[in-house]
């Protein structure tokens, strides 16, 4: 059974997530047991392959967190495979226009709302065991997350947020800073103004704004109004932990 995001909570509360890019079911299982609201399985920049996806999703089985999968582009065939495999939603990178956002929604939704192909015996329906329930609720429950990563996307944020079926406008901070001409400068005026513009657009259309934050920025992002909030990654946590272990053994130099 798919563990859906509670969209009522999403409209009212901050939902905590993290990125999983190692392609490791063990890392997913550890994160799933910690109490995150959602986990982002990254198949855009991450190490996992499409062959790994179902094992990664199985590692969430029985947990209360919702697995969201980031794919590389708006490809209806990939969307169908990911959702049939039991993902609770999809994150689409580099969505800069309302037309692209509409295409993302249509790929995720069954007719008449969209053009997702229908199958009976798939993992998402417990291999046919609850097909009717899944089919009747998937359009409403499935999460569509579009990433705002370009100045064009920021300028079109209000039109994107107005698309019925888009649930979250999620800022990709590094890509956005690079495309604004201030790579990695998350305190620059163009960057902070862009964040405000995305949040305002989301709030106007009763959608959620999201971002991949940093430890020093998490309080600020929460106060700004981001509700679909991610911090860190499995790869980052492993690297930081191992670096600390090495430092402890060798001592200061």
C-alpha atoms as a PDB file:
ATOM      1  CA  UNK A   1       0.000   0.000   0.000  1.00  0.00           C
ATOM      2  CA  UNK A   2       1.269   3.465  -0.886  1.00  0.00           C
ATOM      3  CA  UNK A   3       1.905   5.829   2.031  1.00  0.00           C
ATOM      4  CA  UNK A   4       0.489   9.098   0.735  1.00  0.00           C
ATOM      5  CA  UNK A   5       1.415  12.576   1.900  1.00  0.00           C
ATOM      6  CA  UNK A   6      -1.313  14.094   4.068  1.00  0.00           C
ATOM      7  CA  UNK A   7      -2.200  17.111   1.922  1.00  0.00           C
ATOM      8  CA  UNK A   8      -4.230  18.700   4.700  1.00  0.00           C
ATOM      9  CA  UNK A   9      -1.085  18.740   6.859  1.00  0.00           C
ATOM     10  CA  UNK A  10       0.901  20.024   3.899  1.00  0.00           C
ATOM     11  CA  UNK A  11      -1.381  23.055   3.695  1.00  0.00           C
ATOM     12  CA  UNK A  12      -0.973  23.835   7.388  1.00  0.00           C
ATOM     13  CA  UNK A  13       2.321  22.491   8.723  1.00  0.00           C
ATOM     14  CA  UNK A  14       5.993  22.047   7.903  1.00  0.00           C
ATOM     15  CA  UNK A  15       6.657  18.545   6.583  1.00  0.00           C
ATOM     16  CA  UNK A  16      10.222  17.338   7.103  1.00  0.00           C
ATOM     17  CA  UNK A  17      12.177  15.471   4.451  1.00  0.00           C
ATOM     18  CA  UNK A  18      15.667  14.562   3.355  1.00  0.00           C
ATOM     19  CA  UNK A  19      17.362  13.560   0.110  1.00  0.00           C
ATOM     20  CA  UNK A  20      18.521   9.997  -0.530  1.00  0.00           C
ATOM     21  CA  UNK A  21      21.037   9.825  -3.364  1.00  0.00           C
ATOM     22  CA  UNK A  22      23.285   6.868  -2.553  1.00  0.00           C
ATOM     23  CA  UNK A  23      20.987   4.354  -4.225  1.00  0.00           C
ATOM     24  CA  UNK A  24      21.187   2.260  -1.049  1.00  0.00           C
ATOM     25  CA  UNK A  25      18.094   0.445   0.289  1.00  0.00           C
ATOM     26  CA  UNK A  26      19.827   0.281   3.674  1.00  0.00           C
ATOM     27  CA  UNK A  27      20.150   4.069   3.787  1.00  0.00           C
ATOM     28  CA  UNK A  28      16.489   4.405   2.800  1.00  0.00           C
ATOM     29  CA  UNK A  29      15.466   1.937   5.503  1.00  0.00           C
ATOM     30  CA  UNK A  30      17.429   3.854   8.152  1.00  0.00           C
ATOM     31  CA  UNK A  31      15.881   7.169   7.104  1.00  0.00           C
ATOM     32  CA  UNK A  32      12.396   5.651   6.908  1.00  0.00           C
ATOM     33  CA  UNK A  33      12.616   4.557  10.522  1.00  0.00           C
ATOM     34  CA  UNK A  34      13.548   7.967  11.874  1.00  0.00           C
ATOM     35  CA  UNK A  35      10.221   9.740  11.527  1.00  0.00           C
ATOM     36  CA  UNK A  36      10.614  11.944   8.445  1.00  0.00           C
ATOM     37  CA  UNK A  37       7.346  12.921   6.789  1.00  0.00           C
ATOM     38  CA  UNK A  38       8.766  12.326   3.321  1.00  0.00           C
ATOM     39  CA  UNK A  39      11.907  11.010   1.660  1.00  0.00           C
ATOM     40  CA  UNK A  40      13.233  12.080  -1.730  1.00  0.00           C
ATOM     41  CA  UNK A  41      14.701   9.177  -3.682  1.00  0.00           C
ATOM     42  CA  UNK A  42      16.923  10.972  -6.163  1.00  0.00           C
ATOM     43  CA  UNK A  43      17.146   9.376  -9.594  1.00  0.00           C
ATOM     44  CA  UNK A  44      18.191  12.634 -11.255  1.00  0.00           C
ATOM     45  CA  UNK A  45      21.603  13.199  -9.663  1.00  0.00           C
ATOM     46  CA  UNK A  46      21.742  10.163  -7.379  1.00  0.00           C
ATOM     47  CA  UNK A  47      23.650   6.892  -7.738  1.00  0.00           C
ATOM     48  CA  UNK A  48      20.620   4.616  -8.025  1.00  0.00           C
ATOM     49  CA  UNK A  49      19.315   3.193 -11.283  1.00  0.00           C
ATOM     50  CA  UNK A  50      15.824   2.376 -12.475  1.00  0.00           C
ATOM     51  CA  UNK A  51      16.595  -1.245 -11.618  1.00  0.00           C
ATOM     52  CA  UNK A  52      17.166  -0.183  -8.012  1.00  0.00           C
ATOM     53  CA  UNK A  53      13.910   1.737  -7.656  1.00  0.00           C
ATOM     54  CA  UNK A  54      11.641  -1.005  -6.373  1.00  0.00           C
ATOM     55  CA  UNK A  55      14.185  -2.117  -3.764  1.00  0.00           C
ATOM     56  CA  UNK A  56      14.495   1.495  -2.629  1.00  0.00           C
ATOM     57  CA  UNK A  57      10.720   1.809  -2.336  1.00  0.00           C
ATOM     58  CA  UNK A  58      10.444  -1.546  -0.561  1.00  0.00           C
ATOM     59  CA  UNK A  59      12.853  -0.210   2.056  1.00  0.00           C
ATOM     60  CA  UNK A  60      10.103   2.266   3.024  1.00  0.00           C
ATOM     61  CA  UNK A  61       7.492  -0.465   3.423  1.00  0.00           C
ATOM     62  CA  UNK A  62       5.676  -0.256   6.727  1.00  0.00           C
ATOM     63  CA  UNK A  63       7.090   3.167   7.607  1.00  0.00           C
ATOM     64  CA  UNK A  64       4.991   6.285   8.021  1.00  0.00           C
ATOM     65  CA  UNK A  65       7.046   8.399   5.599  1.00  0.00           C
ATOM     66  CA  UNK A  66       6.027   9.017   1.999  1.00  0.00           C
ATOM     67  CA  UNK A  67       8.568   8.167  -0.726  1.00  0.00           C
ATOM     68  CA  UNK A  68       8.837  10.831  -3.431  1.00  0.00           C
ATOM     69  CA  UNK A  69      11.003  10.085  -6.483  1.00  0.00           C
ATOM     70  CA  UNK A  70      12.882  12.728  -8.442  1.00  0.00           C
ATOM     71  CA  UNK A  71      13.212  11.824 -12.109  1.00  0.00           C
ATOM     72  CA  UNK A  72      15.269  13.496 -14.829  1.00  0.00           C
ATOM     73  CA  UNK A  73      12.600  15.038 -17.038  1.00  0.00           C
ATOM     74  CA  UNK A  74       8.890  15.051 -17.762  1.00  0.00           C
ATOM     75  CA  UNK A  75       8.688  11.625 -19.378  1.00  0.00           C
ATOM     76  CA  UNK A  76       5.224   9.992 -19.136  1.00  0.00           C
ATOM     77  CA  UNK A  77       6.661   6.486 -19.546  1.00  0.00           C
ATOM     78  CA  UNK A  78       9.061   6.994 -16.643  1.00  0.00           C
ATOM     79  CA  UNK A  79       6.308   8.603 -14.557  1.00  0.00           C
ATOM     80  CA  UNK A  80       4.071   5.589 -15.136  1.00  0.00           C
ATOM     81  CA  UNK A  81       6.806   3.154 -14.075  1.00  0.00           C
ATOM     82  CA  UNK A  82       7.664   5.137 -10.937  1.00  0.00           C
ATOM     83  CA  UNK A  83       4.066   5.521  -9.782  1.00  0.00           C
ATOM     84  CA  UNK A  84       3.176   1.921 -10.629  1.00  0.00           C
ATOM     85  CA  UNK A  85       6.147   0.914  -8.468  1.00  0.00           C
ATOM     86  CA  UNK A  86       4.551   2.519  -5.414  1.00  0.00           C
ATOM     87  CA  UNK A  87       5.927   6.046  -5.171  1.00  0.00           C
ATOM     88  CA  UNK A  88       3.691   8.554  -3.383  1.00  0.00           C
ATOM     89  CA  UNK A  89       4.647  11.315  -5.797  1.00  0.00           C
ATOM     90  CA  UNK A  90       7.193  12.656  -8.228  1.00  0.00           C
ATOM     91  CA  UNK A  91       9.548  15.622  -8.215  1.00  0.00           C
ATOM     92  CA  UNK A  92      10.201  17.134 -11.648  1.00  0.00           C
ATOM     93  CA  UNK A  93      13.381  19.225 -12.115  1.00  0.00           C
ATOM     94  CA  UNK A  94      13.672  22.436 -14.140  1.00  0.00           C
ATOM     95  CA  UNK A  95       9.992  23.272 -14.534  1.00  0.00           C
ATOM     96  CA  UNK A  96      10.026  26.831 -15.848  1.00  0.00           C
ATOM     97  CA  UNK A  97       6.639  27.274 -17.532  1.00  0.00           C
ATOM     98  CA  UNK A  98       2.997  26.609 -16.843  1.00  0.00           C
ATOM     99  CA  UNK A  99       2.925  24.365 -19.927  1.00  0.00           C
ATOM    100  CA  UNK A 100       5.644  22.153 -18.457  1.00  0.00           C
ATOM    101  CA  UNK A 101       3.851  22.045 -15.113  1.00  0.00           C
ATOM    102  CA  UNK A 102       0.643  21.015 -16.860  1.00  0.00           C
ATOM    103  CA  UNK A 103       2.478  18.244 -18.699  1.00  0.00           C
ATOM    104  CA  UNK A 104       3.892  16.989 -15.390  1.00  0.00           C
ATOM    105  CA  UNK A 105       0.425  16.875 -13.841  1.00  0.00           C
ATOM    106  CA  UNK A 106      -1.095  15.096 -16.835  1.00  0.00           C
ATOM    107  CA  UNK A 107       1.622  12.429 -16.741  1.00  0.00           C
ATOM    108  CA  UNK A 108       0.835  11.723 -13.081  1.00  0.00           C
ATOM    109  CA  UNK A 109      -2.961  11.589 -13.275  1.00  0.00           C
ATOM    110  CA  UNK A 110      -5.352   8.974 -14.616  1.00  0.00           C
ATOM    111  CA  UNK A 111      -7.987  10.056 -17.188  1.00  0.00           C
ATOM    112  CA  UNK A 112      -9.920  12.241 -17.406  1.00  0.00           C
ATOM    113  CA  UNK A 113      -7.536  14.494 -15.449  1.00  0.00           C
ATOM    114  CA  UNK A 114      -4.411  13.224 -17.198  1.00  0.00           C
ATOM    115  CA  UNK A 115      -3.012  10.546 -19.456  1.00  0.00           C
ATOM    116  CA  UNK A 116      -1.388   8.045 -17.078  1.00  0.00           C
ATOM    117  CA  UNK A 117      -1.851   4.491 -18.292  1.00  0.00           C
ATOM    118  CA  UNK A 118      -3.933   2.179 -16.111  1.00  0.00           C
ATOM    119  CA  UNK A 119      -2.768  -1.248 -14.934  1.00  0.00           C
ATOM    120  CA  UNK A 120      -4.271  -3.675 -12.449  1.00  0.00           C
ATOM    121  CA  UNK A 121      -1.551  -5.979 -11.093  1.00  0.00           C
ATOM    122  CA  UNK A 122       1.140  -3.497 -10.046  1.00  0.00           C
ATOM    123  CA  UNK A 123       2.982  -2.928  -6.787  1.00  0.00           C
ATOM    124  CA  UNK A 124       1.080   0.306  -6.088  1.00  0.00           C
ATOM    125  CA  UNK A 125      -2.196  -1.660  -5.926  1.00  0.00           C
ATOM    126  CA  UNK A 126      -0.745  -4.495  -3.833  1.00  0.00           C
ATOM    127  CA  UNK A 127      -0.609  -6.426  -7.099  1.00  0.00           C
ATOM    128  CA  UNK A 128      -4.322  -6.020  -7.692  1.00  0.00           C
ATOM    129  CA  UNK A 129      -5.427  -6.495  -4.100  1.00  0.00           C
ATOM    130  CA  UNK A 130      -6.707  -2.927  -3.729  1.00  0.00           C
ATOM    131  CA  UNK A 131      -6.864  -1.769  -7.325  1.00  0.00           C
ATOM    132  CA  UNK A 132     -10.252  -0.075  -7.068  1.00  0.00           C
ATOM    133  CA  UNK A 133      -9.293   1.948  -4.001  1.00  0.00           C
ATOM    134  CA  UNK A 134      -5.961   2.982  -5.513  1.00  0.00           C
ATOM    135  CA  UNK A 135      -7.483   3.922  -8.860  1.00  0.00           C
ATOM    136  CA  UNK A 136     -10.195   6.045  -7.242  1.00  0.00           C
ATOM    137  CA  UNK A 137      -7.845   7.943  -4.911  1.00  0.00           C
ATOM    138  CA  UNK A 138      -4.486   8.180  -6.718  1.00  0.00           C
ATOM    139  CA  UNK A 139      -5.342  11.353  -8.643  1.00  0.00           C
ATOM    140  CA  UNK A 140      -6.207  13.188  -5.447  1.00  0.00           C
ATOM    141  CA  UNK A 141      -3.509  11.708  -3.227  1.00  0.00           C
ATOM    142  CA  UNK A 142      -0.472  11.586  -5.513  1.00  0.00           C
ATOM    143  CA  UNK A 143       1.971  14.452  -4.966  1.00  0.00           C
ATOM    144  CA  UNK A 144       3.238  16.559  -7.872  1.00  0.00           C
ATOM    145  CA  UNK A 145       6.354  18.561  -6.995  1.00  0.00           C
ATOM    146  CA  UNK A 146       7.786  20.933  -9.600  1.00  0.00           C
ATOM    147  CA  UNK A 147      11.235  22.411  -9.139  1.00  0.00           C
ATOM    148  CA  UNK A 148      11.866  26.104  -9.683  1.00  0.00           C
ATOM    149  CA  UNK A 149      15.508  26.381 -10.715  1.00  0.00           C
ATOM    150  CA  UNK A 150      15.714  29.176 -13.288  1.00  0.00           C
ATOM    151  CA  UNK A 151      14.871  32.890 -13.500  1.00  0.00           C
ATOM    152  CA  UNK A 152      12.188  31.946 -16.018  1.00  0.00           C
ATOM    153  CA  UNK A 153      10.660  29.585 -13.492  1.00  0.00           C
ATOM    154  CA  UNK A 154      10.677  32.301 -10.831  1.00  0.00           C
ATOM    155  CA  UNK A 155       9.047  34.791 -13.207  1.00  0.00           C
ATOM    156  CA  UNK A 156       6.401  32.215 -14.116  1.00  0.00           C
ATOM    157  CA  UNK A 157       5.917  30.972 -10.553  1.00  0.00           C
ATOM    158  CA  UNK A 158       2.418  32.358 -10.231  1.00  0.00           C
ATOM    159  CA  UNK A 159       1.250  30.754 -13.485  1.00  0.00           C
ATOM    160  CA  UNK A 160       2.875  27.470 -12.450  1.00  0.00           C
ATOM    161  CA  UNK A 161       1.252  27.570  -9.015  1.00  0.00           C
ATOM    162  CA  UNK A 162      -2.131  28.187 -10.640  1.00  0.00           C
ATOM    163  CA  UNK A 163      -2.027  24.815 -12.441  1.00  0.00           C
ATOM    164  CA  UNK A 164      -4.570  22.460 -10.898  1.00  0.00           C
ATOM    165  CA  UNK A 165      -2.724  19.379  -9.668  1.00  0.00           C
ATOM    166  CA  UNK A 166       0.583  21.030  -8.812  1.00  0.00           C
ATOM    167  CA  UNK A 167       1.060  20.585  -5.067  1.00  0.00           C
ATOM    168  CA  UNK A 168       4.539  21.941  -4.313  1.00  0.00           C
ATOM    169  CA  UNK A 169       6.826  24.539  -5.874  1.00  0.00           C
ATOM    170  CA  UNK A 170      10.248  23.332  -4.766  1.00  0.00           C
ATOM    171  CA  UNK A 171      13.284  25.577  -5.100  1.00  0.00           C
ATOM    172  CA  UNK A 172      16.513  23.905  -6.202  1.00  0.00           C
ATOM    173  CA  UNK A 173      18.826  26.390  -4.469  1.00  0.00           C
ATOM    174  CA  UNK A 174      22.135  25.597  -6.110  1.00  0.00           C
ATOM    175  CA  UNK A 175      20.796  25.477  -9.658  1.00  0.00           C
ATOM    176  CA  UNK A 176      18.772  28.627  -9.068  1.00  0.00           C
ATOM    177  CA  UNK A 177      21.776  30.502  -7.691  1.00  0.00           C
ATOM    178  CA  UNK A 178      23.903  29.416 -10.665  1.00  0.00           C
ATOM    179  CA  UNK A 179      21.227  30.442 -13.148  1.00  0.00           C
ATOM    180  CA  UNK A 180      20.811  33.798 -11.401  1.00  0.00           C
ATOM    181  CA  UNK A 181      24.532  34.441 -11.818  1.00  0.00           C
ATOM    182  CA  UNK A 182      25.397  34.133  -8.107  1.00  0.00           C
ATOM    183  CA  UNK A 183      26.645  30.529  -7.747  1.00  0.00           C
ATOM    184  CA  UNK A 184      26.302  29.329  -4.189  1.00  0.00           C
ATOM    185  CA  UNK A 185      25.530  32.802  -2.823  1.00  0.00           C
ATOM    186  CA  UNK A 186      22.294  32.094  -1.002  1.00  0.00           C
ATOM    187  CA  UNK A 187      22.222  35.504   0.676  1.00  0.00           C
ATOM    188  CA  UNK A 188      22.374  37.590  -2.498  1.00  0.00           C
ATOM    189  CA  UNK A 189      19.500  39.936  -3.204  1.00  0.00           C
ATOM    190  CA  UNK A 190      18.447  38.269  -6.498  1.00  0.00           C
ATOM    191  CA  UNK A 191      18.336  34.878  -4.773  1.00  0.00           C
ATOM    192  CA  UNK A 192      16.395  35.952  -1.688  1.00  0.00           C
ATOM    193  CA  UNK A 193      13.967  37.977  -3.805  1.00  0.00           C
ATOM    194  CA  UNK A 194      13.377  34.890  -5.955  1.00  0.00           C
ATOM    195  CA  UNK A 195      12.573  32.807  -2.881  1.00  0.00           C
ATOM    196  CA  UNK A 196      10.028  35.383  -1.763  1.00  0.00           C
ATOM    197  CA  UNK A 197       8.452  35.414  -5.214  1.00  0.00           C
ATOM    198  CA  UNK A 198       8.065  31.613  -5.234  1.00  0.00           C
ATOM    199  CA  UNK A 199       6.594  31.549  -1.722  1.00  0.00           C
ATOM    200  CA  UNK A 200       4.136  34.345  -2.536  1.00  0.00           C
ATOM    201  CA  UNK A 201       3.001  32.549  -5.701  1.00  0.00           C
ATOM    202  CA  UNK A 202       2.500  29.281  -3.842  1.00  0.00           C
ATOM    203  CA  UNK A 203       0.572  30.906  -1.010  1.00  0.00           C
ATOM    204  CA  UNK A 204      -1.659  32.858  -3.397  1.00  0.00           C
ATOM    205  CA  UNK A 205      -2.813  29.618  -5.013  1.00  0.00           C
ATOM    206  CA  UNK A 206      -2.933  27.571  -1.783  1.00  0.00           C
ATOM    207  CA  UNK A 207       0.049  25.452  -2.736  1.00  0.00           C
ATOM    208  CA  UNK A 208       3.137  24.666  -0.654  1.00  0.00           C
ATOM    209  CA  UNK A 209       6.619  26.040  -1.244  1.00  0.00           C
ATOM    210  CA  UNK A 210       9.587  23.764  -0.628  1.00  0.00           C
ATOM    211  CA  UNK A 211      13.357  23.979  -0.577  1.00  0.00           C
ATOM    212  CA  UNK A 212      16.458  21.896   0.132  1.00  0.00           C
ATOM    213  CA  UNK A 213      17.840  23.876   3.048  1.00  0.00           C
ATOM    214  CA  UNK A 214      21.121  24.020   5.004  1.00  0.00           C
ATOM    215  CA  UNK A 215      21.593  23.797   8.790  1.00  0.00           C
ATOM    216  CA  UNK A 216      22.333  27.514   9.026  1.00  0.00           C
ATOM    217  CA  UNK A 217      19.314  28.400   6.883  1.00  0.00           C
ATOM    218  CA  UNK A 218      16.617  26.072   8.160  1.00  0.00           C
ATOM    219  CA  UNK A 219      15.078  28.474  10.701  1.00  0.00           C
ATOM    220  CA  UNK A 220      15.044  31.305   8.173  1.00  0.00           C
ATOM    221  CA  UNK A 221      13.416  29.152   5.507  1.00  0.00           C
ATOM    222  CA  UNK A 222      10.768  27.960   7.947  1.00  0.00           C
ATOM    223  CA  UNK A 223      10.027  31.531   8.985  1.00  0.00           C
ATOM    224  CA  UNK A 224       9.822  32.620   5.342  1.00  0.00           C
ATOM    225  CA  UNK A 225       6.985  30.158   4.790  1.00  0.00           C
ATOM    226  CA  UNK A 226       8.539  27.050   3.259  1.00  0.00           C
ATOM    227  CA  UNK A 227       6.471  24.042   4.339  1.00  0.00           C
ATOM    228  CA  UNK A 228       7.865  21.159   2.267  1.00  0.00           C
ATOM    229  CA  UNK A 229      11.280  21.397   3.849  1.00  0.00           C
ATOM    230  CA  UNK A 230      14.284  19.143   3.251  1.00  0.00           C
ATOM    231  CA  UNK A 231      17.632  19.125   4.998  1.00  0.00           C
ATOM    232  CA  UNK A 232      20.705  17.111   4.102  1.00  0.00           C
ATOM    233  CA  UNK A 233      21.182  13.810   2.337  1.00  0.00           C
ATOM    234  CA  UNK A 234      22.344  10.291   3.047  1.00  0.00           C
ATOM    235  CA  UNK A 235      25.571  10.893   1.109  1.00  0.00           C
ATOM    236  CA  UNK A 236      26.248  14.100   3.028  1.00  0.00           C
ATOM    237  CA  UNK A 237      25.580  12.418   6.366  1.00  0.00           C
ATOM    238  CA  UNK A 238      27.907   9.514   5.575  1.00  0.00           C
ATOM    239  CA  UNK A 239      30.672  11.825   4.399  1.00  0.00           C
ATOM    240  CA  UNK A 240      30.356  14.100   7.424  1.00  0.00           C
ATOM    241  CA  UNK A 241      30.294  11.150   9.822  1.00  0.00           C
ATOM    242  CA  UNK A 242      33.337   9.504   8.278  1.00  0.00           C
ATOM    243  CA  UNK A 243      35.255  12.773   8.174  1.00  0.00           C
ATOM    244  CA  UNK A 244      34.515  13.291  11.871  1.00  0.00           C
ATOM    245  CA  UNK A 245      35.660   9.763  12.676  1.00  0.00           C
ATOM    246  CA  UNK A 246      38.929  10.337  10.823  1.00  0.00           C
ATOM    247  CA  UNK A 247      39.440  13.657  12.591  1.00  0.00           C
ATOM    248  CA  UNK A 248      38.844  12.031  15.979  1.00  0.00           C
ATOM    249  CA  UNK A 249      41.379   9.293  15.284  1.00  0.00           C
ATOM    250  CA  UNK A 250      44.116  11.513  13.904  1.00  0.00           C
ATOM    251  CA  UNK A 251      43.440  14.499  16.104  1.00  0.00           C
ATOM    252  CA  UNK A 252      44.084  18.119  15.183  1.00  0.00           C
ATOM    253  CA  UNK A 253      47.077  18.811  12.977  1.00  0.00           C
END
